[in-house]
PDB file of N, CA and C in Angstrom:
ATOM      1  N   MET A   1       0.809  -1.208   0.000  1.00  0.00           N
ATOM      2  CA  MET A   1       0.000   0.000   0.000  1.00  0.00           C
ATOM      3  C   MET A   1       0.851   1.271   0.000  1.00  0.00           C
ATOM      4  N   PHE A   2       1.938   1.293   0.814  1.00  0.00           N
ATOM      5  CA  PHE A   2       2.754   2.501   0.928  1.00  0.00           C
ATOM      6  C   PHE A   2       4.144   2.347   0.320  1.00  0.00           C
ATOM      7  N   ALA A   3       4.371   1.325  -0.448  1.00  0.00           N
ATOM      8  CA  ALA A   3       5.704   1.032  -0.973  1.00  0.00           C
ATOM      9  C   ALA A   3       6.298   2.172  -1.788  1.00  0.00           C
ATOM     10  N   LYS A   4       5.468   2.957  -2.447  1.00  0.00           N
ATOM     11  CA  LYS A   4       5.981   4.041  -3.286  1.00  0.00           C
ATOM     12  C   LYS A   4       5.492   5.408  -2.824  1.00  0.00           C
ATOM     13  N   THR A   5       5.035   5.458  -1.581  1.00  0.00           N
ATOM     14  CA  THR A   5       4.542   6.700  -1.011  1.00  0.00           C
ATOM     15  C   THR A   5       5.680   7.398  -0.265  1.00  0.00           C
ATOM     16  N   PRO A   6       5.956   8.669  -0.561  1.00  0.00           N
ATOM     17  CA  PRO A   6       6.989   9.377   0.199  1.00  0.00           C
ATOM     18  C   PRO A   6       6.630   9.413   1.689  1.00  0.00           C
ATOM     19  N   ALA A   7       7.648   9.327   2.514  1.00  0.00           N
ATOM     20  CA  ALA A   7       7.446   9.371   3.957  1.00  0.00           C
ATOM     21  C   ALA A   7       8.576  10.172   4.594  1.00  0.00           C
ATOM     22  N   PHE A   8       8.369  10.573   5.820  1.00  0.00           N
ATOM     23  CA  PHE A   8       9.393  11.293   6.565  1.00  0.00           C
ATOM     24  C   PHE A   8       9.280  10.894   8.028  1.00  0.00           C
ATOM     25  N   SER A   9      10.296  11.212   8.781  1.00  0.00           N
ATOM     26  CA  SER A   9      10.262  10.919  10.211  1.00  0.00           C
ATOM     27  C   SER A   9      10.373  12.216  10.991  1.00  0.00           C
ATOM     28  N   GLY A  10      10.145  12.123  12.272  1.00  0.00           N
ATOM     29  CA  GLY A  10      10.235  13.290  13.135  1.00  0.00           C
ATOM     30  C   GLY A  10      10.387  12.866  14.577  1.00  0.00           C
ATOM     31  N   PHE A  11      10.765  13.815  15.397  1.00  0.00           N
ATOM     32  CA  PHE A  11      10.854  13.567  16.826  1.00  0.00           C
ATOM     33  C   PHE A  11      10.608  14.876  17.573  1.00  0.00           C
ATOM     34  N   ALA A  12      10.299  14.738  18.852  1.00  0.00           N
ATOM     35  CA  ALA A  12       9.925  15.888  19.665  1.00  0.00           C
ATOM     36  C   ALA A  12      11.067  16.354  20.565  1.00  0.00           C
ATOM     37  N   VAL A  13      10.979  17.621  20.938  1.00  0.00           N
ATOM     38  CA  VAL A  13      11.856  18.253  21.920  1.00  0.00           C
ATOM     39  C   VAL A  13      11.002  19.238  22.722  1.00  0.00           C
ATOM     40  N   PRO A  14      11.447  19.624  23.904  1.00  0.00           N
ATOM     41  CA  PRO A  14      10.674  20.615  24.645  1.00  0.00           C
ATOM     42  C   PRO A  14      11.025  22.059  24.290  1.00  0.00           C
ATOM     43  N   ASP A  15      12.165  22.261  23.596  1.00  0.00           N
ATOM     44  CA  ASP A  15      12.659  23.608  23.320  1.00  0.00           C
ATOM     45  C   ASP A  15      13.287  23.653  21.924  1.00  0.00           C
ATOM     46  N   LEU A  16      12.578  24.236  20.965  1.00  0.00           N
ATOM     47  CA  LEU A  16      13.078  24.297  19.585  1.00  0.00           C
ATOM     48  C   LEU A  16      14.343  25.147  19.453  1.00  0.00           C
ATOM     49  N   LYS A  17      14.462  26.209  20.242  1.00  0.00           N
ATOM     50  CA  LYS A  17      15.666  27.053  20.161  1.00  0.00           C
ATOM     51  C   LYS A  17      16.912  26.263  20.556  1.00  0.00           C
ATOM     52  N   ALA A  18      16.813  25.498  21.633  1.00  0.00           N
ATOM     53  CA  ALA A  18      17.953  24.674  22.058  1.00  0.00           C
ATOM     54  C   ALA A  18      18.268  23.618  20.999  1.00  0.00           C
ATOM     55  N   ALA A  19      17.234  23.037  20.411  1.00  0.00           N
ATOM     56  CA  ALA A  19      17.439  22.042  19.349  1.00  0.00           C
ATOM     57  C   ALA A  19      18.098  22.675  18.140  1.00  0.00           C
ATOM     58  N   GLU A  20      17.660  23.863  17.776  1.00  0.00           N
ATOM     59  CA  GLU A  20      18.231  24.555  16.619  1.00  0.00           C
ATOM     60  C   GLU A  20      19.718  24.821  16.831  1.00  0.00           C
ATOM     61  N   LYS A  21      20.076  25.257  18.016  1.00  0.00           N
ATOM     62  CA  LYS A  21      21.483  25.531  18.313  1.00  0.00           C
ATOM     63  C   LYS A  21      22.307  24.237  18.274  1.00  0.00           C
ATOM     64  N   PHE A  22      21.810  23.195  18.905  1.00  0.00           N
ATOM     65  CA  PHE A  22      22.548  21.935  18.961  1.00  0.00           C
ATOM     66  C   PHE A  22      22.700  21.303  17.577  1.00  0.00           C
ATOM     67  N   TYR A  23      21.593  21.135  16.880  1.00  0.00           N
ATOM     68  CA  TYR A  23      21.649  20.462  15.585  1.00  0.00           C
ATOM     69  C   TYR A  23      22.323  21.327  14.519  1.00  0.00           C
ATOM     70  N   GLY A  24      22.128  22.636  14.592  1.00  0.00           N
ATOM     71  CA  GLY A  24      22.729  23.522  13.604  1.00  0.00           C
ATOM     72  C   GLY A  24      24.182  23.858  13.882  1.00  0.00           C
ATOM     73  N   GLU A  25      24.476  24.246  15.127  1.00  0.00           N
ATOM     74  CA  GLU A  25      25.836  24.679  15.460  1.00  0.00           C
ATOM     75  C   GLU A  25      26.738  23.532  15.911  1.00  0.00           C
ATOM     76  N   THR A  26      26.300  22.754  16.884  1.00  0.00           N
ATOM     77  CA  THR A  26      27.145  21.686  17.408  1.00  0.00           C
ATOM     78  C   THR A  26      27.348  20.576  16.383  1.00  0.00           C
ATOM     79  N   LEU A  27      26.257  20.118  15.766  1.00  0.00           N
ATOM     80  CA  LEU A  27      26.367  19.031  14.793  1.00  0.00           C
ATOM     81  C   LEU A  27      26.613  19.521  13.369  1.00  0.00           C
ATOM     82  N   GLY A  28      26.373  20.804  13.121  1.00  0.00           N
ATOM     83  CA  GLY A  28      26.643  21.374  11.801  1.00  0.00           C
ATOM     84  C   GLY A  28      25.688  20.926  10.710  1.00  0.00           C
ATOM     85  N   LEU A  29      24.461  20.607  11.085  1.00  0.00           N
ATOM     86  CA  LEU A  29      23.480  20.150  10.108  1.00  0.00           C
ATOM     87  C   LEU A  29      22.762  21.322   9.447  1.00  0.00           C
ATOM     88  N   ASP A  30      22.289  21.087   8.254  1.00  0.00           N
ATOM     89  CA  ASP A  30      21.508  22.078   7.517  1.00  0.00           C
ATOM     90  C   ASP A  30      20.081  22.045   8.044  1.00  0.00           C
ATOM     91  N   LEU A  31      19.616  23.183   8.542  1.00  0.00           N
ATOM     92  CA  LEU A  31      18.267  23.303   9.101  1.00  0.00           C
ATOM     93  C   LEU A  31      17.459  24.315   8.323  1.00  0.00           C
ATOM     94  N   THR A  32      16.177  24.052   8.219  1.00  0.00           N
ATOM     95  CA  THR A  32      15.246  25.034   7.675  1.00  0.00           C
ATOM     96  C   THR A  32      14.034  25.094   8.589  1.00  0.00           C
ATOM     97  N   GLN A  33      13.299  26.172   8.477  1.00  0.00           N
ATOM     98  CA  GLN A  33      12.064  26.320   9.238  1.00  0.00           C
ATOM     99  C   GLN A  33      10.952  25.585   8.505  1.00  0.00           C
ATOM    100  N   GLY A  34      10.200  24.789   9.244  1.00  0.00           N
ATOM    101  CA  GLY A  34       9.063  24.096   8.667  1.00  0.00           C
ATOM    102  C   GLY A  34       7.868  25.021   8.570  1.00  0.00           C
ATOM    103  N   GLU A  35       6.889  24.607   7.822  1.00  0.00           N
ATOM    104  CA  GLU A  35       5.694  25.422   7.613  1.00  0.00           C
ATOM    105  C   GLU A  35       4.856  25.607   8.863  1.00  0.00           C
ATOM    106  N   MET A  36       4.999  24.709   9.825  1.00  0.00           N
ATOM    107  CA  MET A  36       4.168  24.772  11.021  1.00  0.00           C
ATOM    108  C   MET A  36       4.964  25.204  12.245  1.00  0.00           C
ATOM    109  N   GLY A  37       6.085  25.921  12.026  1.00  0.00           N
ATOM    110  CA  GLY A  37       6.894  26.406  13.137  1.00  0.00           C
ATOM    111  C   GLY A  37       7.881  25.395  13.660  1.00  0.00           C
ATOM    112  N   ASP A  38       7.978  24.251  13.011  1.00  0.00           N
ATOM    113  CA  ASP A  38       8.930  23.241  13.420  1.00  0.00           C
ATOM    114  C   ASP A  38      10.264  23.460  12.723  1.00  0.00           C
ATOM    115  N   LEU A  39      11.215  22.597  12.992  1.00  0.00           N
ATOM    116  CA  LEU A  39      12.507  22.624  12.315  1.00  0.00           C
ATOM    117  C   LEU A  39      12.603  21.416  11.402  1.00  0.00           C
ATOM    118  N   VAL A  40      13.317  21.575  10.317  1.00  0.00           N
ATOM    119  CA  VAL A  40      13.547  20.460   9.407  1.00  0.00           C
ATOM    120  C   VAL A  40      15.044  20.236   9.308  1.00  0.00           C
ATOM    121  N   LEU A  41      15.477  19.022   9.661  1.00  0.00           N
ATOM    122  CA  LEU A  41      16.862  18.627   9.445  1.00  0.00           C
ATOM    123  C   LEU A  41      16.943  18.140   8.014  1.00  0.00           C
ATOM    124  N   ASN A  42      17.720  18.824   7.202  1.00  0.00           N
ATOM    125  CA  ASN A  42      17.903  18.434   5.807  1.00  0.00           C
ATOM    126  C   ASN A  42      19.115  17.504   5.747  1.00  0.00           C
ATOM    127  N   LEU A  43      18.858  16.230   5.947  1.00  0.00           N
ATOM    128  CA  LEU A  43      19.922  15.241   6.063  1.00  0.00           C
ATOM    129  C   LEU A  43      20.378  14.733   4.704  1.00  0.00           C
ATOM    130  N   ALA A  44      21.605  14.256   4.666  1.00  0.00           N
ATOM    131  CA  ALA A  44      22.156  13.689   3.431  1.00  0.00           C
ATOM    132  C   ALA A  44      21.253  12.559   2.953  1.00  0.00           C
ATOM    133  N   GLY A  45      21.163  12.414   1.658  1.00  0.00           N
ATOM    134  CA  GLY A  45      20.338  11.360   1.089  1.00  0.00           C
ATOM    135  C   GLY A  45      18.877  11.737   0.961  1.00  0.00           C
ATOM    136  N   GLY A  46      18.558  13.015   1.196  1.00  0.00           N
ATOM    137  CA  GLY A  46      17.179  13.457   1.060  1.00  0.00           C
ATOM    138  C   GLY A  46      16.258  12.936   2.148  1.00  0.00           C
ATOM    139  N   ARG A  47      16.803  12.686   3.309  1.00  0.00           N
ATOM    140  CA  ARG A  47      16.022  12.128   4.423  1.00  0.00           C
ATOM    141  C   ARG A  47      15.643  13.226   5.409  1.00  0.00           C
ATOM    142  N   ASP A  48      14.788  14.138   4.993  1.00  0.00           N
ATOM    143  CA  ASP A  48      14.371  15.208   5.887  1.00  0.00           C
ATOM    144  C   ASP A  48      13.717  14.627   7.141  1.00  0.00           C
ATOM    145  N   THR A  49      14.068  15.201   8.269  1.00  0.00           N
ATOM    146  CA  THR A  49      13.518  14.786   9.553  1.00  0.00           C
ATOM    147  C   THR A  49      13.010  16.025  10.268  1.00  0.00           C
ATOM    148  N   PHE A  50      11.801  15.952  10.767  1.00  0.00           N
ATOM    149  CA  PHE A  50      11.174  17.090  11.419  1.00  0.00           C
ATOM    150  C   PHE A  50      11.396  17.042  12.921  1.00  0.00           C
ATOM    151  N   ILE A  51      11.654  18.214  13.490  1.00  0.00           N
ATOM    152  CA  ILE A  51      11.771  18.358  14.939  1.00  0.00           C
ATOM    153  C   ILE A  51      10.646  19.299  15.357  1.00  0.00           C
ATOM    154  N   TYR A  52       9.831  18.851  16.272  1.00  0.00           N
ATOM    155  CA  TYR A  52       8.702  19.665  16.698  1.00  0.00           C
ATOM    156  C   TYR A  52       8.693  19.799  18.220  1.00  0.00           C
ATOM    157  N   GLU A  53       8.120  20.874  18.671  1.00  0.00           N
ATOM    158  CA  GLU A  53       8.053  21.146  20.105  1.00  0.00           C
ATOM    159  C   GLU A  53       6.839  20.451  20.702  1.00  0.00           C
ATOM    160  N   LYS A  54       7.061  19.836  21.852  1.00  0.00           N
ATOM    161  CA  LYS A  54       5.989  19.130  22.544  1.00  0.00           C
ATOM    162  C   LYS A  54       6.069  19.504  24.022  1.00  0.00           C
ATOM    163  N   PRO A  55       5.060  20.196  24.534  1.00  0.00           N
ATOM    164  CA  PRO A  55       5.116  20.682  25.920  1.00  0.00           C
ATOM    165  C   PRO A  55       5.275  19.589  26.973  1.00  0.00           C
ATOM    166  N   ASP A  56       4.634  18.453  26.822  1.00  0.00           N
ATOM    167  CA  ASP A  56       4.729  17.373  27.808  1.00  0.00           C
ATOM    168  C   ASP A  56       5.759  16.324  27.372  1.00  0.00           C
ATOM    169  N   PHE A  57       6.814  16.796  26.768  1.00  0.00           N
ATOM    170  CA  PHE A  57       7.870  15.971  26.189  1.00  0.00           C
ATOM    171  C   PHE A  57       8.515  15.035  27.210  1.00  0.00           C
ATOM    172  N   GLU A  58       8.822  13.830  26.757  1.00  0.00           N
ATOM    173  CA  GLU A  58       9.674  12.893  27.487  1.00  0.00           C
ATOM    174  C   GLU A  58      10.686  12.357  26.484  1.00  0.00           C
ATOM    175  N   PRO A  59      11.978  12.340  26.825  1.00  0.00           N
ATOM    176  CA  PRO A  59      12.987  11.898  25.861  1.00  0.00           C
ATOM    177  C   PRO A  59      12.819  10.426  25.490  1.00  0.00           C
ATOM    178  N   ALA A  60      13.216  10.122  24.275  1.00  0.00           N
ATOM    179  CA  ALA A  60      13.194   8.740  23.801  1.00  0.00           C
ATOM    180  C   ALA A  60      14.208   7.919  24.596  1.00  0.00           C
ATOM    181  N   THR A  61      13.897   6.670  24.826  1.00  0.00           N
ATOM    182  CA  THR A  61      14.802   5.776  25.559  1.00  0.00           C
ATOM    183  C   THR A  61      15.566   4.864  24.600  1.00  0.00           C
ATOM    184  N   TYR A  62      15.534   5.199  23.342  1.00  0.00           N
ATOM    185  CA  TYR A  62      16.192   4.435  22.285  1.00  0.00           C
ATOM    186  C   TYR A  62      16.849   5.428  21.337  1.00  0.00           C
ATOM    187  N   THR A  63      17.704   4.951  20.458  1.00  0.00           N
ATOM    188  CA  THR A  63      18.407   5.819  19.518  1.00  0.00           C
ATOM    189  C   THR A  63      17.440   6.302  18.443  1.00  0.00           C
ATOM    190  N   ILE A  64      17.297   7.628  18.330  1.00  0.00           N
ATOM    191  CA  ILE A  64      16.353   8.184  17.357  1.00  0.00           C
ATOM    192  C   ILE A  64      17.014   8.570  16.041  1.00  0.00           C
ATOM    193  N   LEU A  65      18.335   8.753  16.060  1.00  0.00           N
ATOM    194  CA  LEU A  65      19.034   9.206  14.863  1.00  0.00           C
ATOM    195  C   LEU A  65      20.463   8.684  14.906  1.00  0.00           C
ATOM    196  N   ASN A  66      20.879   8.032  13.819  1.00  0.00           N
ATOM    197  CA  ASN A  66      22.227   7.484  13.694  1.00  0.00           C
ATOM    198  C   ASN A  66      22.953   8.198  12.571  1.00  0.00           C
ATOM    199  N   PHE A  67      24.166   8.641  12.837  1.00  0.00           N
ATOM    200  CA  PHE A  67      24.987   9.288  11.822  1.00  0.00           C
ATOM    201  C   PHE A  67      26.109   8.340  11.422  1.00  0.00           C
ATOM    202  N   VAL A  68      26.110   7.908  10.178  1.00  0.00           N
ATOM    203  CA  VAL A  68      27.152   7.033   9.672  1.00  0.00           C
ATOM    204  C   VAL A  68      28.351   7.901   9.302  1.00  0.00           C
ATOM    205  N   VAL A  69      29.509   7.575   9.863  1.00  0.00           N
ATOM    206  CA  VAL A  69      30.731   8.363   9.643  1.00  0.00           C
ATOM    207  C   VAL A  69      31.838   7.453   9.114  1.00  0.00           C
ATOM    208  N   ASP A  70      32.813   8.064   8.461  1.00  0.00           N
ATOM    209  CA  ASP A  70      33.953   7.304   7.949  1.00  0.00           C
ATOM    210  C   ASP A  70      34.888   6.853   9.061  1.00  0.00           C
ATOM    211  N   ASP A  71      34.998   7.674  10.114  1.00  0.00           N
ATOM    212  CA  ASP A  71      35.939   7.396  11.194  1.00  0.00           C
ATOM    213  C   ASP A  71      35.274   7.758  12.518  1.00  0.00           C
ATOM    214  N   VAL A  72      34.822   6.755  13.241  1.00  0.00           N
ATOM    215  CA  VAL A  72      34.093   7.005  14.483  1.00  0.00           C
ATOM    216  C   VAL A  72      34.980   7.677  15.535  1.00  0.00           C
ATOM    217  N   ASP A  73      36.260   7.322  15.578  1.00  0.00           N
ATOM    218  CA  ASP A  73      37.163   7.957  16.546  1.00  0.00           C
ATOM    219  C   ASP A  73      37.262   9.455  16.292  1.00  0.00           C
ATOM    220  N   GLN A  74      37.420   9.819  15.037  1.00  0.00           N
ATOM    221  CA  GLN A  74      37.519  11.238  14.685  1.00  0.00           C
ATOM    222  C   GLN A  74      36.219  11.961  15.007  1.00  0.00           C
ATOM    223  N   ALA A  75      35.078  11.347  14.717  1.00  0.00           N
ATOM    224  CA  ALA A  75      33.784  11.974  15.001  1.00  0.00           C
ATOM    225  C   ALA A  75      33.606  12.187  16.504  1.00  0.00           C
ATOM    226  N   VAL A  76      33.962  11.192  17.299  1.00  0.00           N
ATOM    227  CA  VAL A  76      33.854  11.308  18.755  1.00  0.00           C
ATOM    228  C   VAL A  76      34.776  12.410  19.265  1.00  0.00           C
ATOM    229  N   ASP A  77      35.989  12.462  18.760  1.00  0.00           N
ATOM    230  CA  ASP A  77      36.928  13.509  19.183  1.00  0.00           C
ATOM    231  C   ASP A  77      36.399  14.900  18.842  1.00  0.00           C
ATOM    232  N   ARG A  78      35.895  15.067  17.643  1.00  0.00           N
ATOM    233  CA  ARG A  78      35.395  16.389  17.217  1.00  0.00           C
ATOM    234  C   ARG A  78      34.166  16.800  18.018  1.00  0.00           C
ATOM    235  N   LEU A  79      33.261  15.856  18.257  1.00  0.00           N
ATOM    236  CA  LEU A  79      32.080  16.176  19.067  1.00  0.00           C
ATOM    237  C   LEU A  79      32.486  16.482  20.505  1.00  0.00           C
ATOM    238  N   GLY A  80      33.455  15.740  21.024  1.00  0.00           N
ATOM    239  CA  GLY A  80      33.946  16.002  22.379  1.00  0.00           C
ATOM    240  C   GLY A  80      34.522  17.401  22.513  1.00  0.00           C
ATOM    241  N   GLN A  81      35.206  17.874  21.468  1.00  0.00           N
ATOM    242  CA  GLN A  81      35.750  19.236  21.478  1.00  0.00           C
ATOM    243  C   GLN A  81      34.643  20.284  21.505  1.00  0.00           C
ATOM    244  N   LYS A  82      33.454  19.908  21.063  1.00  0.00           N
ATOM    245  CA  LYS A  82      32.310  20.831  21.066  1.00  0.00           C
ATOM    246  C   LYS A  82      31.456  20.673  22.318  1.00  0.00           C
ATOM    247  N   GLY A  83      31.952  19.885  23.276  1.00  0.00           N
ATOM    248  CA  GLY A  83      31.254  19.744  24.547  1.00  0.00           C
ATOM    249  C   GLY A  83      30.279  18.582  24.641  1.00  0.00           C
ATOM    250  N   VAL A  84      30.226  17.744  23.619  1.00  0.00           N
ATOM    251  CA  VAL A  84      29.328  16.593  23.650  1.00  0.00           C
ATOM    252  C   VAL A  84      29.948  15.513  24.531  1.00  0.00           C
ATOM    253  N   THR A  85      29.148  14.926  25.407  1.00  0.00           N
ATOM    254  CA  THR A  85      29.604  13.813  26.229  1.00  0.00           C
ATOM    255  C   THR A  85      28.936  12.535  25.733  1.00  0.00           C
ATOM    256  N   PHE A  86      29.623  11.439  25.907  1.00  0.00           N
ATOM    257  CA  PHE A  86      29.143  10.166  25.383  1.00  0.00           C
ATOM    258  C   PHE A  86      28.596   9.289  26.498  1.00  0.00           C
ATOM    259  N   GLU A  87      27.549   8.580  26.164  1.00  0.00           N
ATOM    260  CA  GLU A  87      26.837   7.738  27.108  1.00  0.00           C
ATOM    261  C   GLU A  87      27.530   6.390  27.270  1.00  0.00           C
ATOM    262  N   ARG A  88      27.300   5.783  28.412  1.00  0.00           N
ATOM    263  CA  ARG A  88      27.804   4.440  28.691  1.00  0.00           C
ATOM    264  C   ARG A  88      26.599   3.564  29.020  1.00  0.00           C
ATOM    265  N   TYR A  89      26.579   2.387  28.442  1.00  0.00           N
ATOM    266  CA  TYR A  89      25.461   1.478  28.636  1.00  0.00           C
ATOM    267  C   TYR A  89      25.945   0.103  29.081  1.00  0.00           C
ATOM    268  N   ASP A  90      25.234  -0.461  30.040  1.00  0.00           N
ATOM    269  CA  ASP A  90      25.537  -1.814  30.498  1.00  0.00           C
ATOM    270  C   ASP A  90      25.397  -2.781  29.321  1.00  0.00           C
ATOM    271  N   GLY A  91      26.264  -3.754  29.288  1.00  0.00           N
ATOM    272  CA  GLY A  91      26.188  -4.776  28.260  1.00  0.00           C
ATOM    273  C   GLY A  91      27.000  -4.470  27.015  1.00  0.00           C
ATOM    274  N   PHE A  92      27.610  -3.282  26.972  1.00  0.00           N
ATOM    275  CA  PHE A  92      28.445  -2.918  25.836  1.00  0.00           C
ATOM    276  C   PHE A  92      29.872  -2.699  26.323  1.00  0.00           C
ATOM    277  N   ASP A  93      30.818  -3.278  25.621  1.00  0.00           N
ATOM    278  CA  ASP A  93      32.227  -3.104  25.950  1.00  0.00           C
ATOM    279  C   ASP A  93      32.691  -1.813  25.268  1.00  0.00           C
ATOM    280  N   GLN A  94      32.665  -0.710  26.012  1.00  0.00           N
ATOM    281  CA  GLN A  94      33.019   0.595  25.464  1.00  0.00           C
ATOM    282  C   GLN A  94      34.413   1.001  25.927  1.00  0.00           C
ATOM    283  N   ASP A  95      35.153   1.626  25.015  1.00  0.00           N
ATOM    284  CA  ASP A  95      36.501   2.067  25.357  1.00  0.00           C
ATOM    285  C   ASP A  95      36.451   3.383  26.138  1.00  0.00           C
ATOM    286  N   GLU A  96      37.621   3.954  26.385  1.00  0.00           N
ATOM    287  CA  GLU A  96      37.703   5.184  27.184  1.00  0.00           C
ATOM    288  C   GLU A  96      36.963   6.360  26.548  1.00  0.00           C
ATOM    289  N   LYS A  97      36.755   6.323  25.246  1.00  0.00           N
ATOM    290  CA  LYS A  97      36.016   7.389  24.551  1.00  0.00           C
ATOM    291  C   LYS A  97      34.510   7.156  24.582  1.00  0.00           C
ATOM    292  N   GLY A  98      34.105   5.941  24.942  1.00  0.00           N
ATOM    293  CA  GLY A  98      32.691   5.594  24.923  1.00  0.00           C
ATOM    294  C   GLY A  98      32.276   4.848  23.671  1.00  0.00           C
ATOM    295  N   ILE A  99      33.247   4.413  22.882  1.00  0.00           N
ATOM    296  CA  ILE A  99      32.952   3.707  21.630  1.00  0.00           C
ATOM    297  C   ILE A  99      32.854   2.206  21.900  1.00  0.00           C
ATOM    298  N   ALA A 100      31.749   1.619  21.463  1.00  0.00           N
ATOM    299  CA  ALA A 100      31.578   0.167  21.543  1.00  0.00           C
ATOM    300  C   ALA A 100      32.083  -0.428  20.236  1.00  0.00           C
ATOM    301  N   ARG A 101      32.942  -1.407  20.366  1.00  0.00           N
ATOM    302  CA  ARG A 101      33.525  -2.048  19.181  1.00  0.00           C
ATOM    303  C   ARG A 101      33.299  -3.550  19.303  1.00  0.00           C
ATOM    304  N   GLY A 102      32.139  -3.998  18.892  1.00  0.00           N
ATOM    305  CA  GLY A 102      31.812  -5.408  19.002  1.00  0.00           C
ATOM    306  C   GLY A 102      32.090  -6.169  17.726  1.00  0.00           C
ATOM    307  N   ASP A 103      32.094  -7.487  17.859  1.00  0.00           N
ATOM    308  CA  ASP A 103      32.300  -8.355  16.704  1.00  0.00           C
ATOM    309  C   ASP A 103      31.057  -8.422  15.828  1.00  0.00           C
ATOM    310  N   GLN A 104      29.891  -8.163  16.398  1.00  0.00           N
ATOM    311  CA  GLN A 104      28.634  -8.341  15.687  1.00  0.00           C
ATOM    312  C   GLN A 104      28.090  -7.087  15.016  1.00  0.00           C
ATOM    313  N   GLY A 105      28.628  -5.945  15.330  1.00  0.00           N
ATOM    314  CA  GLY A 105      28.064  -4.727  14.762  1.00  0.00           C
ATOM    315  C   GLY A 105      29.111  -3.674  14.508  1.00  0.00           C
ATOM    316  N   PRO A 106      28.646  -2.499  14.118  1.00  0.00           N
ATOM    317  CA  PRO A 106      29.583  -1.413  13.820  1.00  0.00           C
ATOM    318  C   PRO A 106      30.178  -0.810  15.090  1.00  0.00           C
ATOM    319  N   ALA A 107      31.282  -0.109  14.940  1.00  0.00           N
ATOM    320  CA  ALA A 107      31.812   0.698  16.037  1.00  0.00           C
ATOM    321  C   ALA A 107      30.839   1.855  16.211  1.00  0.00           C
ATOM    322  N   ILE A 108      30.358   2.064  17.433  1.00  0.00           N
ATOM    323  CA  ILE A 108      29.286   3.029  17.672  1.00  0.00           C
ATOM    324  C   ILE A 108      29.480   3.730  19.007  1.00  0.00           C
ATOM    325  N   ALA A 109      29.092   5.000  19.056  1.00  0.00           N
ATOM    326  CA  ALA A 109      29.116   5.774  20.291  1.00  0.00           C
ATOM    327  C   ALA A 109      27.812   6.565  20.369  1.00  0.00           C
ATOM    328  N   TRP A 110      27.226   6.589  21.552  1.00  0.00           N
ATOM    329  CA  TRP A 110      25.942   7.262  21.761  1.00  0.00           C
ATOM    330  C   TRP A 110      26.112   8.552  22.539  1.00  0.00           C
ATOM    331  N   PHE A 111      25.286   9.518  22.211  1.00  0.00           N
ATOM    332  CA  PHE A 111      25.263  10.793  22.931  1.00  0.00           C
ATOM    333  C   PHE A 111      23.839  11.316  22.910  1.00  0.00           C
ATOM    334  N   LYS A 112      23.577  12.353  23.682  1.00  0.00           N
ATOM    335  CA  LYS A 112      22.221  12.888  23.777  1.00  0.00           C
ATOM    336  C   LYS A 112      22.159  14.325  23.288  1.00  0.00           C
ATOM    337  N   ASP A 113      21.008  14.701  22.752  1.00  0.00           N
ATOM    338  CA  ASP A 113      20.761  16.095  22.412  1.00  0.00           C
ATOM    339  C   ASP A 113      20.336  16.823  23.691  1.00  0.00           C
ATOM    340  N   PRO A 114      20.159  18.140  23.664  1.00  0.00           N
ATOM    341  CA  PRO A 114      19.803  18.869  24.888  1.00  0.00           C
ATOM    342  C   PRO A 114      18.498  18.402  25.524  1.00  0.00           C
ATOM    343  N   ALA A 115      17.625  17.765  24.737  1.00  0.00           N
ATOM    344  CA  ALA A 115      16.352  17.275  25.251  1.00  0.00           C
ATOM    345  C   ALA A 115      16.481  15.897  25.891  1.00  0.00           C
ATOM    346  N   GLY A 116      17.631  15.247  25.713  1.00  0.00           N
ATOM    347  CA  GLY A 116      17.828  13.921  26.259  1.00  0.00           C
ATOM    348  C   GLY A 116      17.549  12.798  25.276  1.00  0.00           C
ATOM    349  N   ASN A 117      17.233  13.135  24.030  1.00  0.00           N
ATOM    350  CA  ASN A 117      17.057  12.124  22.986  1.00  0.00           C
ATOM    351  C   ASN A 117      18.411  11.500  22.658  1.00  0.00           C
ATOM    352  N   ILE A 118      18.425  10.206  22.393  1.00  0.00           N
ATOM    353  CA  ILE A 118      19.676   9.497  22.139  1.00  0.00           C
ATOM    354  C   ILE A 118      19.998   9.484  20.646  1.00  0.00           C
ATOM    355  N   LEU A 119      21.240   9.845  20.334  1.00  0.00           N
ATOM    356  CA  LEU A 119      21.772   9.857  18.976  1.00  0.00           C
ATOM    357  C   LEU A 119      23.031   8.991  18.949  1.00  0.00           C
ATOM    358  N   SER A 120      23.509   8.669  17.764  1.00  0.00           N
ATOM    359  CA  SER A 120      24.767   7.932  17.699  1.00  0.00           C
ATOM    360  C   SER A 120      25.583   8.345  16.489  1.00  0.00           C
ATOM    361  N   VAL A 121      26.869   8.067  16.588  1.00  0.00           N
ATOM    362  CA  VAL A 121      27.769   8.078  15.434  1.00  0.00           C
ATOM    363  C   VAL A 121      28.257   6.648  15.306  1.00  0.00           C
ATOM    364  N   LEU A 122      28.278   6.148  14.079  1.00  0.00           N
ATOM    365  CA  LEU A 122      28.721   4.769  13.888  1.00  0.00           C
ATOM    366  C   LEU A 122      29.506   4.647  12.600  1.00  0.00           C
ATOM    367  N   GLU A 123      30.432   3.726  12.641  1.00  0.00           N
ATOM    368  CA  GLU A 123      31.304   3.459  11.489  1.00  0.00           C
ATOM    369  C   GLU A 123      30.962   2.075  10.961  1.00  0.00           C
ATOM    370  N   GLU A 124      30.411   2.031   9.759  1.00  0.00           N
ATOM    371  CA  GLU A 124      30.064   0.751   9.167  1.00  0.00           C
ATOM    372  C   GLU A 124      31.321   0.030   8.706  1.00  0.00           C
ATOM    373  N   ARG A 125      31.251  -1.257   8.718  1.00  0.00           N
ATOM    374  CA  ARG A 125      32.402  -2.069   8.290  1.00  0.00           C
ATOM    375  C   ARG A 125      32.357  -2.317   6.815  1.00  0.00           C
TER     376      ARG A 125
END
């Protein structure tokens, strides 16, 4: 039914100004204003993602956005220089930078946006 229907994704934050600063300045993403006062992340590959304000917001407890990078160590270092801290999770063997390097998946490091939503940088094999 929807195999050829365009679709998009979105997520909520409690403060659009803080999101705009983080996603635009800290992460360096291209942002535009949406028609309904929201923000649009203009992501590579034409994968626009909407960020909207939600007054009774609760952060996601799962990864909402993954950024595939060529070098996860370099990405973690650069984000760390911008004040981003990396999360640690039980069950993952993470190095001193917070990067999990398992045999079954990509090298990945998780961090949060100002709203507490979980994001990641990962290096595909």
